[in-house]
Amino acid sequence: MADEIVKAFEADMASIPVARVTGDNDNERVMKLMAHMFLRVWTRYATETGQKLTMTPFQFSLGTYHGQMNWVVNEALNFKELPQIALGAKYGRTHSLVAESYKQKEEERIRLVFALEEEEVRGKPLAVNYLLYDSPLKGFGFDKAAEALKAAMPKWFETVASKSDAPLWDFCRDNLECVGV
C-alpha cells in the first residue's frame, strides 16, 4: 500500500505545471506552487480514503477543480500576501501540513512542517512543528519540497485512513527535526 501511495503522489506532483506557474514576486509564485501541491494531496486523500481534510484557506478559494486531479489556481486570490496554507484533520489530536513563508534575518524563506498537537498548556492544545523542508524563497525547489513530503506520505495516509494519530506522530518523532511550537 505504501508503494501505491508514493507512486500516486509522484504522479500527482508530476502533473503540476511548475514551469508555467508565475508570480510578481517569489512569495506569490511559491505559494501558488504550494496551493497546487496541497490541492492535489487534498483530492487524493478525499478520493482514496473518503476523508476530507480541512484546508486553510478553503480549497475552493485556492482553486477550481476540473476533474481527474486537474486544479486551476484562483488568480484572483492575493498569493503575494498569503503567508500560510494548511491541510489537516483531527483524530483525537489535530495535525496539519503547513507551508509558510517567513523572514529570518531579513531573508524571506518558505518551509513545510507537520504541526502536531502534542500536549496542553493551561488547558489549551499546543502544536509542535516537525520540519520537512526549509529554503530561501529565491532558492525554492519544488521537486525538493515534494521529495521531502513524499517520505511522509505513507504514514500520513495511514493516519487519515485509520483515523489514528500514531503513524504520523511516530514518523515525525523518529525522522524529522522538531523546530518548535
N, C-alpha and C. Protein backbone atom coordinates (compact mmCIF):
# COMPACT_ATOMS: atom_id res chain seq x y z
N MET A 1 0.82 -1.20 0.00
CA MET A 1 0.00 0.00 0.00
C MET A 1 0.86 1.27 0.00
N ALA A 2 1.96 1.25 0.76
CA ALA A 2 2.83 2.42 0.83
C ALA A 2 3.40 2.77 -0.54
N ASP A 3 3.80 1.75 -1.31
CA ASP A 3 4.34 2.00 -2.65
C ASP A 3 3.30 2.64 -3.56
N GLU A 4 2.04 2.19 -3.44
CA GLU A 4 0.97 2.76 -4.25
C GLU A 4 0.74 4.23 -3.92
N ILE A 5 0.78 4.56 -2.64
CA ILE A 5 0.59 5.95 -2.21
C ILE A 5 1.73 6.82 -2.74
N VAL A 6 2.94 6.34 -2.64
CA VAL A 6 4.10 7.09 -3.12
C VAL A 6 4.02 7.29 -4.63
N LYS A 7 3.65 6.25 -5.37
CA LYS A 7 3.54 6.37 -6.83
C LYS A 7 2.44 7.35 -7.22
N ALA A 8 1.30 7.31 -6.53
CA ALA A 8 0.21 8.25 -6.80
C ALA A 8 0.66 9.68 -6.50
N PHE A 9 1.37 9.86 -5.39
CA PHE A 9 1.88 11.18 -5.03
C PHE A 9 2.85 11.69 -6.10
N GLU A 10 3.76 10.84 -6.54
CA GLU A 10 4.71 11.24 -7.58
C GLU A 10 3.98 11.65 -8.86
N ALA A 11 2.97 10.89 -9.25
CA ALA A 11 2.19 11.22 -10.45
C ALA A 11 1.45 12.54 -10.26
N ASP A 12 0.88 12.73 -9.08
CA ASP A 12 0.15 13.98 -8.80
C ASP A 12 1.09 15.18 -8.88
N MET A 13 2.28 15.06 -8.31
CA MET A 13 3.24 16.16 -8.32
C MET A 13 3.77 16.41 -9.73
N ALA A 14 3.95 15.34 -10.51
CA ALA A 14 4.43 15.48 -11.89
C ALA A 14 3.42 16.20 -12.77
N SER A 15 2.14 16.17 -12.38
CA SER A 15 1.10 16.83 -13.19
C SER A 15 1.03 18.34 -12.95
N ILE A 16 1.78 18.84 -11.99
CA ILE A 16 1.76 20.28 -11.70
C ILE A 16 2.65 20.99 -12.72
N PRO A 17 2.11 22.01 -13.40
CA PRO A 17 2.87 22.72 -14.43
C PRO A 17 3.86 23.72 -13.83
N VAL A 18 4.89 23.21 -13.16
CA VAL A 18 5.82 24.04 -12.38
C VAL A 18 6.39 25.18 -13.22
N ALA A 19 6.84 24.91 -14.42
CA ALA A 19 7.49 25.93 -15.25
C ALA A 19 6.52 27.03 -15.68
N ARG A 20 5.22 26.74 -15.69
CA ARG A 20 4.23 27.73 -16.12
C ARG A 20 3.65 28.54 -14.97
N VAL A 21 3.97 28.18 -13.73
CA VAL A 21 3.45 28.92 -12.58
C VAL A 21 4.33 30.15 -12.38
N THR A 22 3.70 31.32 -12.46
CA THR A 22 4.43 32.58 -12.35
C THR A 22 3.86 33.44 -11.23
N GLY A 23 4.58 34.48 -10.92
CA GLY A 23 4.13 35.43 -9.91
C GLY A 23 4.93 36.71 -10.01
N ASP A 24 4.36 37.79 -9.46
CA ASP A 24 5.05 39.08 -9.47
C ASP A 24 6.22 39.10 -8.49
N ASN A 25 6.19 38.22 -7.50
CA ASN A 25 7.32 38.10 -6.57
C ASN A 25 7.49 36.63 -6.20
N ASP A 26 8.55 36.34 -5.47
CA ASP A 26 8.86 34.95 -5.11
C ASP A 26 7.76 34.33 -4.26
N ASN A 27 7.22 35.10 -3.30
CA ASN A 27 6.18 34.55 -2.43
C ASN A 27 4.95 34.14 -3.24
N GLU A 28 4.56 34.97 -4.18
CA GLU A 28 3.38 34.66 -5.00
C GLU A 28 3.60 33.36 -5.78
N ARG A 29 4.72 33.22 -6.42
CA ARG A 29 4.99 32.01 -7.22
C ARG A 29 5.06 30.77 -6.33
N VAL A 30 5.79 30.85 -5.23
CA VAL A 30 5.96 29.69 -4.35
C VAL A 30 4.63 29.30 -3.71
N MET A 31 3.84 30.27 -3.27
CA MET A 31 2.56 29.92 -2.64
C MET A 31 1.58 29.34 -3.67
N LYS A 32 1.66 29.77 -4.91
CA LYS A 32 0.84 29.14 -5.96
C LYS A 32 1.25 27.68 -6.14
N LEU A 33 2.54 27.43 -6.14
CA LEU A 33 3.02 26.04 -6.26
C LEU A 33 2.58 25.21 -5.06
N MET A 34 2.64 25.79 -3.87
CA MET A 34 2.19 25.07 -2.67
C MET A 34 0.68 24.82 -2.74
N ALA A 35 -0.07 25.77 -3.28
CA ALA A 35 -1.51 25.57 -3.45
C ALA A 35 -1.76 24.38 -4.37
N HIS A 36 -1.04 24.30 -5.48
CA HIS A 36 -1.16 23.15 -6.38
C HIS A 36 -0.88 21.85 -5.63
N MET A 37 0.21 21.82 -4.87
CA MET A 37 0.59 20.62 -4.13
C MET A 37 -0.50 20.23 -3.13
N PHE A 38 -0.93 21.18 -2.32
CA PHE A 38 -1.90 20.89 -1.28
C PHE A 38 -3.25 20.48 -1.86
N LEU A 39 -3.67 21.12 -2.96
CA LEU A 39 -4.95 20.76 -3.58
C LEU A 39 -4.93 19.33 -4.10
N ARG A 40 -3.82 18.91 -4.66
CA ARG A 40 -3.73 17.54 -5.16
C ARG A 40 -3.68 16.53 -4.01
N VAL A 41 -2.98 16.86 -2.94
CA VAL A 41 -2.97 15.97 -1.77
C VAL A 41 -4.38 15.89 -1.18
N TRP A 42 -5.06 17.02 -1.05
CA TRP A 42 -6.43 17.04 -0.52
C TRP A 42 -7.33 16.13 -1.37
N THR A 43 -7.24 16.27 -2.68
CA THR A 43 -8.07 15.48 -3.59
C THR A 43 -7.73 14.00 -3.50
N ARG A 44 -6.45 13.67 -3.48
CA ARG A 44 -6.02 12.27 -3.40
C ARG A 44 -6.56 11.63 -2.12
N TYR A 45 -6.43 12.30 -1.00
CA TYR A 45 -6.90 11.73 0.26
C TYR A 45 -8.42 11.61 0.28
N ALA A 46 -9.12 12.58 -0.29
CA ALA A 46 -10.58 12.51 -0.34
C ALA A 46 -11.05 11.34 -1.19
N THR A 47 -10.40 11.13 -2.34
CA THR A 47 -10.84 10.05 -3.23
C THR A 47 -10.41 8.67 -2.73
N GLU A 48 -9.23 8.58 -2.12
CA GLU A 48 -8.71 7.28 -1.69
C GLU A 48 -9.24 6.82 -0.33
N THR A 49 -9.53 7.77 0.57
CA THR A 49 -9.94 7.40 1.93
C THR A 49 -11.37 7.78 2.25
N GLY A 50 -11.95 8.66 1.47
CA GLY A 50 -13.28 9.18 1.79
C GLY A 50 -13.24 10.27 2.85
N GLN A 51 -12.04 10.59 3.34
CA GLN A 51 -11.88 11.63 4.37
C GLN A 51 -11.53 12.95 3.70
N LYS A 52 -12.25 13.99 4.06
CA LYS A 52 -11.95 15.32 3.53
C LYS A 52 -11.22 16.11 4.60
N LEU A 53 -9.95 16.34 4.35
CA LEU A 53 -9.15 17.12 5.28
C LEU A 53 -9.58 18.58 5.20
N THR A 54 -9.27 19.33 6.23
CA THR A 54 -9.61 20.75 6.28
C THR A 54 -8.45 21.56 5.72
N MET A 55 -8.76 22.47 4.80
CA MET A 55 -7.71 23.30 4.21
C MET A 55 -7.98 24.76 4.54
N THR A 56 -6.90 25.48 4.86
CA THR A 56 -6.97 26.91 5.12
C THR A 56 -5.90 27.58 4.29
N PRO A 57 -6.25 28.54 3.43
CA PRO A 57 -7.59 28.93 3.03
C PRO A 57 -8.36 27.76 2.42
N PHE A 58 -9.67 27.90 2.39
CA PHE A 58 -10.58 26.88 1.87
C PHE A 58 -10.14 26.47 0.46
N GLN A 59 -10.18 25.17 0.19
CA GLN A 59 -9.67 24.65 -1.08
C GLN A 59 -10.31 25.30 -2.30
N PHE A 60 -11.59 25.63 -2.21
CA PHE A 60 -12.24 26.22 -3.38
C PHE A 60 -12.02 27.73 -3.47
N SER A 61 -11.35 28.30 -2.47
CA SER A 61 -10.84 29.67 -2.59
C SER A 61 -9.49 29.66 -3.30
N LEU A 62 -8.73 28.59 -3.08
CA LEU A 62 -7.41 28.47 -3.70
C LEU A 62 -7.48 28.13 -5.18
N GLY A 63 -8.49 27.36 -5.57
CA GLY A 63 -8.55 26.94 -6.96
C GLY A 63 -9.88 26.35 -7.35
N THR A 64 -9.99 26.01 -8.62
CA THR A 64 -11.18 25.39 -9.19
C THR A 64 -10.81 24.00 -9.69
N TYR A 65 -11.63 23.04 -9.32
CA TYR A 65 -11.36 21.65 -9.69
C TYR A 65 -12.03 21.34 -11.02
N HIS A 66 -11.26 20.77 -11.94
CA HIS A 66 -11.77 20.42 -13.26
C HIS A 66 -11.79 18.91 -13.48
N GLY A 67 -11.68 18.14 -12.41
CA GLY A 67 -11.73 16.69 -12.51
C GLY A 67 -10.38 16.06 -12.78
N GLN A 68 -10.24 14.80 -12.38
CA GLN A 68 -9.05 13.99 -12.63
C GLN A 68 -7.76 14.69 -12.18
N MET A 69 -7.77 15.16 -10.95
CA MET A 69 -6.61 15.81 -10.31
C MET A 69 -6.20 17.11 -11.00
N ASN A 70 -7.06 17.68 -11.80
CA ASN A 70 -6.75 18.91 -12.53
C ASN A 70 -7.34 20.11 -11.79
N TRP A 71 -6.47 20.90 -11.18
CA TRP A 71 -6.86 22.12 -10.48
C TRP A 71 -6.30 23.32 -11.23
N VAL A 72 -7.09 24.40 -11.27
CA VAL A 72 -6.62 25.68 -11.79
C VAL A 72 -6.60 26.63 -10.60
N VAL A 73 -5.43 27.20 -10.32
CA VAL A 73 -5.29 28.10 -9.17
C VAL A 73 -6.07 29.38 -9.43
N ASN A 74 -6.71 29.88 -8.39
CA ASN A 74 -7.52 31.10 -8.44
C ASN A 74 -6.60 32.32 -8.54
N GLU A 75 -6.49 32.89 -9.71
CA GLU A 75 -5.60 34.04 -9.93
C GLU A 75 -6.11 35.30 -9.24
N ALA A 76 -7.38 35.31 -8.81
CA ALA A 76 -7.92 36.47 -8.10
C ALA A 76 -7.46 36.52 -6.65
N LEU A 77 -7.01 35.39 -6.12
CA LEU A 77 -6.52 35.34 -4.74
C LEU A 77 -5.15 36.02 -4.67
N ASN A 78 -4.94 36.79 -3.62
CA ASN A 78 -3.69 37.53 -3.46
C ASN A 78 -2.62 36.62 -2.86
N PHE A 79 -1.97 35.84 -3.69
CA PHE A 79 -0.91 34.93 -3.24
C PHE A 79 0.33 35.70 -2.78
N LYS A 80 0.49 36.95 -3.24
CA LYS A 80 1.64 37.77 -2.82
C LYS A 80 1.66 37.94 -1.31
N GLU A 81 0.48 38.09 -0.73
CA GLU A 81 0.36 38.36 0.70
C GLU A 81 -0.02 37.13 1.51
N LEU A 82 -0.18 35.99 0.86
CA LEU A 82 -0.60 34.77 1.56
C LEU A 82 0.59 34.20 2.33
N PRO A 83 0.52 34.19 3.68
CA PRO A 83 1.66 33.72 4.45
C PRO A 83 1.68 32.21 4.70
N GLN A 84 0.50 31.57 4.55
CA GLN A 84 0.43 30.18 5.01
C GLN A 84 -0.72 29.43 4.32
N ILE A 85 -0.47 28.16 4.05
CA ILE A 85 -1.52 27.22 3.62
C ILE A 85 -1.41 26.02 4.55
N ALA A 86 -2.55 25.56 5.05
CA ALA A 86 -2.54 24.41 5.97
C ALA A 86 -3.56 23.38 5.52
N LEU A 87 -3.23 22.12 5.73
CA LEU A 87 -4.08 21.00 5.38
C LEU A 87 -4.01 19.99 6.51
N GLY A 88 -5.15 19.72 7.14
CA GLY A 88 -5.09 18.81 8.28
C GLY A 88 -6.43 18.25 8.69
N ALA A 89 -6.41 17.59 9.84
CA ALA A 89 -7.61 16.95 10.39
C ALA A 89 -7.41 16.75 11.88
N LYS A 90 -8.45 16.23 12.51
CA LYS A 90 -8.38 15.94 13.94
C LYS A 90 -8.95 14.55 14.18
N TYR A 91 -8.09 13.66 14.64
CA TYR A 91 -8.49 12.31 15.05
C TYR A 91 -7.97 12.13 16.46
N GLY A 92 -8.67 12.70 17.42
CA GLY A 92 -8.17 12.73 18.79
C GLY A 92 -7.34 13.97 18.99
N ARG A 93 -6.26 14.09 18.22
CA ARG A 93 -5.42 15.29 18.25
C ARG A 93 -5.33 15.86 16.84
N THR A 94 -5.11 17.16 16.77
CA THR A 94 -5.05 17.85 15.49
C THR A 94 -3.67 17.68 14.84
N HIS A 95 -3.68 17.51 13.53
CA HIS A 95 -2.43 17.52 12.76
C HIS A 95 -2.65 18.34 11.50
N SER A 96 -1.61 19.01 11.04
CA SER A 96 -1.68 19.79 9.81
C SER A 96 -0.34 19.77 9.10
N LEU A 97 -0.41 19.72 7.78
CA LEU A 97 0.74 20.01 6.95
C LEU A 97 0.66 21.50 6.67
N VAL A 98 1.73 22.22 6.92
CA VAL A 98 1.71 23.68 6.79
C VAL A 98 2.85 24.12 5.88
N ALA A 99 2.50 24.95 4.90
CA ALA A 99 3.51 25.65 4.09
C ALA A 99 3.43 27.10 4.53
N GLU A 100 4.54 27.64 4.99
CA GLU A 100 4.50 29.02 5.46
C GLU A 100 5.74 29.78 5.01
N SER A 101 5.49 31.04 4.63
CA SER A 101 6.61 31.92 4.33
C SER A 101 6.89 32.74 5.58
N TYR A 102 8.17 33.03 5.79
CA TYR A 102 8.56 33.79 6.98
C TYR A 102 9.88 34.49 6.70
N LYS A 103 10.25 35.41 7.58
CA LYS A 103 11.52 36.11 7.45
C LYS A 103 12.46 35.67 8.55
N GLN A 104 13.71 35.44 8.16
CA GLN A 104 14.76 35.13 9.12
C GLN A 104 15.97 35.98 8.75
N LYS A 105 16.34 36.88 9.65
CA LYS A 105 17.47 37.79 9.40
C LYS A 105 17.32 38.49 8.05
N GLU A 106 16.15 39.04 7.81
CA GLU A 106 15.83 39.80 6.59
C GLU A 106 15.76 38.95 5.32
N GLU A 107 15.89 37.64 5.44
CA GLU A 107 15.78 36.75 4.28
C GLU A 107 14.39 36.11 4.28
N GLU A 108 13.69 36.23 3.15
CA GLU A 108 12.38 35.58 3.03
C GLU A 108 12.59 34.10 2.76
N ARG A 109 11.85 33.28 3.49
CA ARG A 109 12.02 31.82 3.43
C ARG A 109 10.66 31.14 3.32
N ILE A 110 10.69 29.88 2.94
CA ILE A 110 9.49 29.02 2.90
C ILE A 110 9.84 27.72 3.61
N ARG A 111 8.88 27.19 4.34
CA ARG A 111 9.11 25.89 4.96
C ARG A 111 7.83 25.08 4.95
N LEU A 112 8.04 23.78 4.95
CA LEU A 112 6.96 22.81 5.10
C LEU A 112 7.16 22.12 6.43
N VAL A 113 6.11 22.11 7.25
CA VAL A 113 6.18 21.43 8.55
C VAL A 113 4.90 20.64 8.77
N PHE A 114 5.01 19.61 9.58
CA PHE A 114 3.83 19.00 10.16
C PHE A 114 3.66 19.62 11.53
N ALA A 115 2.52 20.23 11.77
CA ALA A 115 2.18 20.79 13.08
C ALA A 115 1.30 19.75 13.77
N LEU A 116 1.82 19.17 14.84
CA LEU A 116 1.12 18.10 15.55
C LEU A 116 0.78 18.53 16.96
N GLU A 117 -0.49 18.36 17.32
CA GLU A 117 -0.91 18.68 18.68
C GLU A 117 -0.33 17.61 19.61
N GLU A 118 0.52 18.04 20.52
CA GLU A 118 1.21 17.07 21.36
C GLU A 118 0.86 17.16 22.83
N GLU A 119 0.48 18.33 23.30
CA GLU A 119 0.18 18.46 24.72
C GLU A 119 -0.71 19.67 24.93
N GLU A 120 -1.12 19.86 26.17
CA GLU A 120 -1.91 21.03 26.53
C GLU A 120 -1.12 21.89 27.49
N VAL A 121 -1.23 23.18 27.31
CA VAL A 121 -0.63 24.15 28.22
C VAL A 121 -1.75 25.07 28.67
N ARG A 122 -1.96 25.10 29.98
CA ARG A 122 -3.05 25.91 30.56
C ARG A 122 -4.39 25.58 29.93
N GLY A 123 -4.60 24.30 29.67
CA GLY A 123 -5.88 23.84 29.14
C GLY A 123 -6.08 24.06 27.65
N LYS A 124 -5.06 24.53 26.94
CA LYS A 124 -5.17 24.76 25.50
C LYS A 124 -4.18 23.87 24.77
N PRO A 125 -4.60 23.32 23.61
CA PRO A 125 -3.70 22.44 22.86
C PRO A 125 -2.49 23.20 22.33
N LEU A 126 -1.35 22.53 22.32
CA LEU A 126 -0.11 23.10 21.84
C LEU A 126 0.40 22.24 20.69
N ALA A 127 0.62 22.87 19.54
CA ALA A 127 1.14 22.14 18.37
C ALA A 127 2.65 22.28 18.31
N VAL A 128 3.31 21.18 18.01
CA VAL A 128 4.76 21.14 17.84
C VAL A 128 5.04 20.95 16.35
N ASN A 129 5.99 21.72 15.82
CA ASN A 129 6.31 21.67 14.40
C ASN A 129 7.48 20.75 14.11
N TYR A 130 7.29 19.88 13.11
CA TYR A 130 8.34 18.98 12.65
C TYR A 130 8.68 19.36 11.21
N LEU A 131 9.94 19.67 10.97
CA LEU A 131 10.39 20.23 9.70
C LEU A 131 10.56 19.19 8.61
N LEU A 132 9.91 19.44 7.47
CA LEU A 132 10.08 18.64 6.26
C LEU A 132 11.05 19.30 5.29
N TYR A 133 10.89 20.62 5.11
CA TYR A 133 11.65 21.35 4.09
C TYR A 133 11.75 22.81 4.50
N ASP A 134 12.91 23.42 4.26
CA ASP A 134 13.12 24.84 4.55
C ASP A 134 14.10 25.38 3.52
N SER A 135 13.75 26.54 2.94
CA SER A 135 14.58 27.10 1.87
C SER A 135 14.33 28.60 1.76
N PRO A 136 15.33 29.35 1.28
CA PRO A 136 15.05 30.73 0.91
C PRO A 136 14.02 30.73 -0.22
N LEU A 137 13.14 31.73 -0.24
CA LEU A 137 12.15 31.81 -1.32
C LEU A 137 12.84 31.84 -2.68
N LYS A 138 13.93 32.59 -2.77
CA LYS A 138 14.64 32.70 -4.05
C LYS A 138 15.23 31.37 -4.50
N GLY A 139 15.57 30.51 -3.59
CA GLY A 139 16.17 29.22 -3.95
C GLY A 139 15.20 28.06 -3.87
N PHE A 140 13.90 28.36 -3.81
CA PHE A 140 12.90 27.31 -3.64
C PHE A 140 12.96 26.30 -4.77
N GLY A 141 12.98 25.03 -4.39
CA GLY A 141 12.96 23.94 -5.36
C GLY A 141 11.71 23.10 -5.16
N PHE A 142 10.76 23.20 -6.07
CA PHE A 142 9.51 22.45 -5.92
C PHE A 142 9.78 20.95 -5.80
N ASP A 143 10.67 20.43 -6.64
CA ASP A 143 10.96 19.00 -6.60
C ASP A 143 11.55 18.58 -5.25
N LYS A 144 12.38 19.42 -4.66
CA LYS A 144 12.95 19.11 -3.35
C LYS A 144 11.88 19.12 -2.26
N ALA A 145 10.96 20.07 -2.34
CA ALA A 145 9.86 20.13 -1.36
C ALA A 145 8.97 18.90 -1.49
N ALA A 146 8.64 18.53 -2.72
CA ALA A 146 7.80 17.34 -2.95
C ALA A 146 8.51 16.08 -2.48
N GLU A 147 9.80 16.00 -2.73
CA GLU A 147 10.59 14.83 -2.29
C GLU A 147 10.59 14.72 -0.77
N ALA A 148 10.69 15.85 -0.09
CA ALA A 148 10.69 15.85 1.38
C ALA A 148 9.34 15.36 1.92
N LEU A 149 8.26 15.77 1.28
CA LEU A 149 6.93 15.34 1.72
C LEU A 149 6.66 13.88 1.36
N LYS A 150 7.21 13.43 0.25
CA LYS A 150 6.96 12.07 -0.23
C LYS A 150 7.28 11.01 0.83
N ALA A 151 8.35 11.21 1.56
CA ALA A 151 8.75 10.22 2.58
C ALA A 151 7.69 10.05 3.67
N ALA A 152 6.95 11.12 3.94
CA ALA A 152 5.92 11.08 5.00
C ALA A 152 4.57 10.60 4.49
N MET A 153 4.37 10.57 3.19
CA MET A 153 3.04 10.28 2.64
C MET A 153 2.44 8.96 3.10
N PRO A 154 3.16 7.84 3.12
CA PRO A 154 2.53 6.59 3.56
C PRO A 154 2.01 6.65 5.00
N LYS A 155 2.78 7.24 5.90
CA LYS A 155 2.35 7.30 7.30
C LYS A 155 1.22 8.31 7.49
N TRP A 156 1.28 9.41 6.73
CA TRP A 156 0.18 10.38 6.81
C TRP A 156 -1.09 9.76 6.26
N PHE A 157 -0.97 9.05 5.14
CA PHE A 157 -2.12 8.38 4.56
C PHE A 157 -2.71 7.37 5.55
N GLU A 158 -1.84 6.62 6.21
CA GLU A 158 -2.29 5.64 7.20
C GLU A 158 -3.03 6.33 8.35
N THR A 159 -2.54 7.48 8.78
CA THR A 159 -3.22 8.25 9.84
C THR A 159 -4.61 8.66 9.39
N VAL A 160 -4.72 9.16 8.16
CA VAL A 160 -6.02 9.62 7.66
C VAL A 160 -6.97 8.44 7.44
N ALA A 161 -6.48 7.38 6.82
CA ALA A 161 -7.34 6.22 6.52
C ALA A 161 -7.82 5.52 7.78
N SER A 162 -6.96 5.43 8.79
CA SER A 162 -7.33 4.71 10.02
C SER A 162 -7.90 5.62 11.10
N LYS A 163 -7.81 6.94 10.87
CA LYS A 163 -8.21 7.94 11.87
C LYS A 163 -7.48 7.72 13.19
N SER A 164 -6.22 7.34 13.07
CA SER A 164 -5.36 7.11 14.24
C SER A 164 -4.14 8.02 14.14
N ASP A 165 -3.85 8.72 15.22
CA ASP A 165 -2.71 9.64 15.23
C ASP A 165 -1.36 8.96 15.13
N ALA A 166 -1.24 7.77 15.65
CA ALA A 166 0.06 7.13 15.88
C ALA A 166 0.99 7.07 14.66
N PRO A 167 0.54 6.65 13.47
CA PRO A 167 1.51 6.51 12.36
C PRO A 167 2.25 7.81 12.04
N LEU A 168 1.52 8.91 11.91
CA LEU A 168 2.16 10.18 11.56
C LEU A 168 3.01 10.70 12.71
N TRP A 169 2.50 10.63 13.92
CA TRP A 169 3.25 11.11 15.08
C TRP A 169 4.57 10.33 15.21
N ASP A 170 4.50 9.02 15.10
CA ASP A 170 5.71 8.20 15.22
C ASP A 170 6.71 8.54 14.12
N PHE A 171 6.23 8.70 12.88
CA PHE A 171 7.11 9.05 11.77
C PHE A 171 7.81 10.38 12.05
N CYS A 172 7.05 11.38 12.45
CA CYS A 172 7.63 12.71 12.68
C CYS A 172 8.66 12.68 13.80
N ARG A 173 8.32 12.05 14.90
CA ARG A 173 9.25 11.99 16.04
C ARG A 173 10.54 11.24 15.68
N ASP A 174 10.42 10.19 14.88
CA ASP A 174 11.57 9.35 14.55
C ASP A 174 12.42 9.89 13.40
N ASN A 175 11.83 10.69 12.50
CA ASN A 175 12.52 11.05 11.27
C ASN A 175 12.71 12.54 11.00
N LEU A 176 11.98 13.39 11.70
CA LEU A 176 12.03 14.82 11.39
C LEU A 176 12.56 15.62 12.57
N GLU A 177 13.10 16.78 12.25
CA GLU A 177 13.60 17.68 13.28
C GLU A 177 12.45 18.48 13.89
N CYS A 178 12.38 18.49 15.20
CA CYS A 178 11.41 19.31 15.91
C CYS A 178 11.94 20.74 15.90
N VAL A 179 11.15 21.67 15.35
CA VAL A 179 11.61 23.05 15.22
C VAL A 179 10.79 24.03 16.05
N GLY A 180 10.12 23.55 17.06
CA GLY A 180 9.41 24.45 17.97
C GLY A 180 7.92 24.40 17.84
N VAL A 181 7.31 25.40 18.46
CA VAL A 181 5.84 25.48 18.52
C VAL A 181 5.33 26.60 17.66
